[in-house]
Each structure stands twice: as structure tokens, then as C-alpha cells.
Amino acid sequence: MSATVEQTNSKTGTEGAEQSTPECPIPPLVSVTHDAREIWESYRNVIEAKAQKYYPMPATFQMVPLRMSIMDIEGVKTYFFKARIPNNKFVNVRIRLSGKAESRDNQVLVESRATGNVDENITKIF
């Protein structure tokens, strides 16, 4: 199986990455691109509803994506975001765009563990 990893506007190939294995390398986090921010905004309601289950947020609070990474494995583009939540914590958010008809709710996952480090890379597919 071959995987293509995309960071910002450059592409590099990695051979032997298996989607089902936890060792699948997630590229290092980079600044959020304009295109990725548009995807975030189109999924904002779903992201914030899922995050609210783990992290109580005031109704006026909007999560902000600060860092991101992109993986493209066999045509399934997956965006990983590090986003700010209240109390100066950060949470990992995944948006998987498979191209298949599926609900937005199934495309978004918010990790239940928050950290205090915005630059901590995402090391596992959650």
C-alpha cells in the first residue's frame, strides 16, 4: 500500500504506510492553510458539538484551529488539527474526507484528551 503525505503545498511519497496500523506516520504539524481553514469552517458546527461533550465551552466560544497536518492514503484525505479550547488547552480534531456519501458526523472526530502544548505533534490516528 502506498501513501502520499501532503504538507501545505508540497507532496512527498512514503512507501509501506498501512492505514490500519498505529505506526502510520502523521506528518508534523504546520500552520493552517487557507484551504484547510475553509474545511474547518464548513465543519465547525459538528466539531464544536462533539468537543462540547468533552470540554464545556461558553456558547460564545469558538474553537480556533492553530496547527494542522494532512494525510492522503488511497484517496482518503484526512485533516488533523490542533485547536484551542477554553483554559488555554488544545485538542486534536480529525476530519476525514473519503469522497463517499457519509454524514458529516461520521467524518469528524474530536480526541477526548486535551493538552497544554499547541506544538505537540499528533502521533496516532484517533
C-alpha atoms as a PDB file:
ATOM      1  CA  MET A   1       0.000   0.000   0.000  1.00  0.00           C
ATOM      2  CA  SER A   2       1.366   3.401  -0.877  1.00  0.00           C
ATOM      3  CA  ALA A   3       0.612   6.618   0.965  1.00  0.00           C
ATOM      4  CA  THR A   4       1.067  10.189  -0.083  1.00  0.00           C
ATOM      5  CA  VAL A   5       1.600  12.760   2.616  1.00  0.00           C
ATOM      6  CA  GLU A   6       0.762  16.377   1.840  1.00  0.00           C
ATOM      7  CA  GLN A   7       2.079  19.301   3.854  1.00  0.00           C
ATOM      8  CA  THR A   8       0.966  22.781   2.882  1.00  0.00           C
ATOM      9  CA  ASN A   9       1.584  22.807  -0.904  1.00  0.00           C
ATOM     10  CA  SER A  10       4.298  20.149  -1.205  1.00  0.00           C
ATOM     11  CA  LYS A  11       3.940  16.403  -1.639  1.00  0.00           C
ATOM     12  CA  THR A  12       6.272  13.607  -0.620  1.00  0.00           C
ATOM     13  CA  GLY A  13       5.732   9.869  -1.019  1.00  0.00           C
ATOM     14  CA  THR A  14       6.132   7.270   1.685  1.00  0.00           C
ATOM     15  CA  GLU A  15       6.073   3.588   0.868  1.00  0.00           C
ATOM     16  CA  GLY A  16       4.725   0.921   3.180  1.00  0.00           C
ATOM     17  CA  ALA A  17       2.443   3.019   5.406  1.00  0.00           C
ATOM     18  CA  GLU A  18      -0.577   0.980   6.446  1.00  0.00           C
ATOM     19  CA  GLN A  19      -3.768   2.849   7.283  1.00  0.00           C
ATOM     20  CA  SER A  20      -4.821   0.367   9.946  1.00  0.00           C
ATOM     21  CA  THR A  21      -1.562   0.405  11.899  1.00  0.00           C
ATOM     22  CA  PRO A  22      -0.934   2.911  14.676  1.00  0.00           C
ATOM     23  CA  GLU A  23       2.609   3.400  13.305  1.00  0.00           C
ATOM     24  CA  CYS A  24       1.253   5.208  10.247  1.00  0.00           C
ATOM     25  CA  PRO A  25       3.263   8.420  10.373  1.00  0.00           C
ATOM     26  CA  ILE A  26       1.237  11.574  10.699  1.00  0.00           C
ATOM     27  CA  PRO A  27       3.260  14.443   9.253  1.00  0.00           C
ATOM     28  CA  PRO A  28       4.454  17.154  11.645  1.00  0.00           C
ATOM     29  CA  LEU A  29       2.069  20.000  12.358  1.00  0.00           C
ATOM     30  CA  VAL A  30       2.332  23.133  10.222  1.00  0.00           C
ATOM     31  CA  SER A  31       0.487  26.446  10.056  1.00  0.00           C
ATOM     32  CA  VAL A  32      -3.136  26.180   8.958  1.00  0.00           C
ATOM     33  CA  THR A  33      -3.555  26.814   5.232  1.00  0.00           C
ATOM     34  CA  HIS A  34      -6.377  28.827   3.697  1.00  0.00           C
ATOM     35  CA  ASP A  35      -7.944  25.692   2.146  1.00  0.00           C
ATOM     36  CA  ALA A  36      -7.778  23.801   5.441  1.00  0.00           C
ATOM     37  CA  ARG A  37      -9.364  26.739   7.284  1.00  0.00           C
ATOM     38  CA  GLU A  38     -12.263  26.652   4.812  1.00  0.00           C
ATOM     39  CA  ILE A  39     -12.760  22.949   5.518  1.00  0.00           C
ATOM     40  CA  TRP A  40     -12.647  23.653   9.262  1.00  0.00           C
ATOM     41  CA  GLU A  41     -15.284  26.370   8.878  1.00  0.00           C
ATOM     42  CA  SER A  42     -17.575  24.113   6.855  1.00  0.00           C
ATOM     43  CA  TYR A  43     -17.423  21.511   9.655  1.00  0.00           C
ATOM     44  CA  ARG A  44     -17.363  23.985  12.584  1.00  0.00           C
ATOM     45  CA  ASN A  45     -20.840  23.122  13.946  1.00  0.00           C
ATOM     46  CA  VAL A  46     -20.095  19.383  14.038  1.00  0.00           C
ATOM     47  CA  ILE A  47     -16.615  19.909  15.523  1.00  0.00           C
ATOM     48  CA  GLU A  48     -17.833  22.174  18.298  1.00  0.00           C
ATOM     49  CA  ALA A  49     -20.835  19.944  19.112  1.00  0.00           C
ATOM     50  CA  LYS A  50     -18.524  16.937  19.500  1.00  0.00           C
ATOM     51  CA  ALA A  51     -15.976  18.924  21.507  1.00  0.00           C
ATOM     52  CA  GLN A  52     -18.710  20.173  23.835  1.00  0.00           C
ATOM     53  CA  LYS A  53     -19.232  16.565  25.014  1.00  0.00           C
ATOM     54  CA  TYR A  54     -15.700  16.515  26.486  1.00  0.00           C
ATOM     55  CA  TYR A  55     -14.935  20.179  27.119  1.00  0.00           C
ATOM     56  CA  PRO A  56     -17.650  22.503  28.434  1.00  0.00           C
ATOM     57  CA  MET A  57     -17.430  25.762  26.491  1.00  0.00           C
ATOM     58  CA  PRO A  58     -19.387  29.006  26.761  1.00  0.00           C
ATOM     59  CA  ALA A  59     -21.955  29.440  23.999  1.00  0.00           C
ATOM     60  CA  THR A  60     -19.987  32.368  22.576  1.00  0.00           C
ATOM     61  CA  PHE A  61     -16.661  30.478  22.436  1.00  0.00           C
ATOM     62  CA  GLN A  62     -15.396  29.452  19.014  1.00  0.00           C
ATOM     63  CA  MET A  63     -12.654  26.862  18.660  1.00  0.00           C
ATOM     64  CA  VAL A  64      -9.679  28.077  16.649  1.00  0.00           C
ATOM     65  CA  PRO A  65      -7.506  25.739  14.561  1.00  0.00           C
ATOM     66  CA  LEU A  66      -3.881  26.722  15.160  1.00  0.00           C
ATOM     67  CA  ARG A  67      -1.840  23.901  13.610  1.00  0.00           C
ATOM     68  CA  MET A  68      -2.632  21.189  11.076  1.00  0.00           C
ATOM     69  CA  SER A  69      -1.394  18.159   9.185  1.00  0.00           C
ATOM     70  CA  ILE A  70      -2.774  16.347   6.135  1.00  0.00           C
ATOM     71  CA  MET A  71      -2.585  12.691   5.145  1.00  0.00           C
ATOM     72  CA  ASP A  72      -3.808  11.247   1.855  1.00  0.00           C
ATOM     73  CA  ILE A  73      -3.975   7.459   1.884  1.00  0.00           C
ATOM     74  CA  GLU A  74      -5.519   5.800  -1.147  1.00  0.00           C
ATOM     75  CA  GLY A  75      -7.675   8.821  -1.957  1.00  0.00           C
ATOM     76  CA  VAL A  76      -8.937   9.381   1.575  1.00  0.00           C
ATOM     77  CA  LYS A  77      -7.747  12.835   2.618  1.00  0.00           C
ATOM     78  CA  THR A  78      -7.577  13.252   6.388  1.00  0.00           C
ATOM     79  CA  TYR A  79      -7.021  16.601   8.065  1.00  0.00           C
ATOM     80  CA  PHE A  80      -5.652  16.704  11.600  1.00  0.00           C
ATOM     81  CA  PHE A  81      -5.996  19.957  13.507  1.00  0.00           C
ATOM     82  CA  LYS A  82      -4.700  21.189  16.847  1.00  0.00           C
ATOM     83  CA  ALA A  83      -7.370  23.599  18.102  1.00  0.00           C
ATOM     84  CA  ARG A  84      -7.693  25.901  21.088  1.00  0.00           C
ATOM     85  CA  ILE A  85     -10.373  25.234  23.684  1.00  0.00           C
ATOM     86  CA  PRO A  86     -11.018  27.179  26.934  1.00  0.00           C
ATOM     87  CA  ASN A  87      -8.456  27.325  29.748  1.00  0.00           C
ATOM     88  CA  ASN A  88      -5.538  27.587  27.301  1.00  0.00           C
ATOM     89  CA  LYS A  89      -5.791  23.912  26.349  1.00  0.00           C
ATOM     90  CA  PHE A  90      -5.544  22.323  22.936  1.00  0.00           C
ATOM     91  CA  VAL A  91      -7.374  19.373  21.422  1.00  0.00           C
ATOM     92  CA  ASN A  92      -6.827  17.207  18.351  1.00  0.00           C
ATOM     93  CA  VAL A  93      -9.571  17.154  15.703  1.00  0.00           C
ATOM     94  CA  ARG A  94      -9.726  14.835  12.709  1.00  0.00           C
ATOM     95  CA  ILE A  95     -11.778  15.439   9.564  1.00  0.00           C
ATOM     96  CA  ARG A  96     -11.777  12.534   7.104  1.00  0.00           C
ATOM     97  CA  LEU A  97     -12.860  13.285   3.529  1.00  0.00           C
ATOM     98  CA  SER A  98     -13.301   9.932   1.814  1.00  0.00           C
ATOM     99  CA  GLY A  99     -15.383  11.154  -1.103  1.00  0.00           C
ATOM    100  CA  LYS A 100     -18.076   8.627  -0.203  1.00  0.00           C
ATOM    101  CA  ALA A 101     -21.552   9.620   0.873  1.00  0.00           C
ATOM    102  CA  GLU A 102     -21.433   9.708   4.657  1.00  0.00           C
ATOM    103  CA  SER A 103     -22.742  12.067   7.295  1.00  0.00           C
ATOM    104  CA  ARG A 104     -20.585  14.944   8.496  1.00  0.00           C
ATOM    105  CA  ASP A 105     -20.945  13.496  11.987  1.00  0.00           C
ATOM    106  CA  ASN A 106     -19.086  10.355  10.852  1.00  0.00           C
ATOM    107  CA  GLN A 107     -16.337  12.391   9.183  1.00  0.00           C
ATOM    108  CA  VAL A 108     -15.364  14.308  12.331  1.00  0.00           C
ATOM    109  CA  LEU A 109     -13.686  13.020  15.460  1.00  0.00           C
ATOM    110  CA  VAL A 110     -12.547  15.058  18.463  1.00  0.00           C
ATOM    111  CA  GLU A 111      -9.982  13.446  20.729  1.00  0.00           C
ATOM    112  CA  SER A 112     -11.103  13.231  24.361  1.00  0.00           C
ATOM    113  CA  ARG A 113      -7.671  14.212  25.728  1.00  0.00           C
ATOM    114  CA  ALA A 114      -6.609  17.871  25.804  1.00  0.00           C
ATOM    115  CA  THR A 115      -3.024  19.091  26.196  1.00  0.00           C
ATOM    116  CA  GLY A 116      -1.326  22.326  27.144  1.00  0.00           C
ATOM    117  CA  ASN A 117       1.097  22.264  24.204  1.00  0.00           C
ATOM    118  CA  VAL A 118      -0.004  23.598  20.811  1.00  0.00           C
ATOM    119  CA  ASP A 119       3.182  22.329  19.160  1.00  0.00           C
ATOM    120  CA  GLU A 120       2.883  18.728  20.361  1.00  0.00           C
ATOM    121  CA  ASN A 121       2.653  16.640  17.183  1.00  0.00           C
ATOM    122  CA  ILE A 122      -0.206  14.222  16.668  1.00  0.00           C
ATOM    123  CA  THR A 123       1.370  10.773  16.825  1.00  0.00           C
ATOM    124  CA  LYS A 124      -1.558   8.423  16.329  1.00  0.00           C
ATOM    125  CA  ILE A 125      -4.650   8.184  14.202  1.00  0.00           C
ATOM    126  CA  PHE A 126      -7.615   8.533  16.531  1.00  0.00           C
END
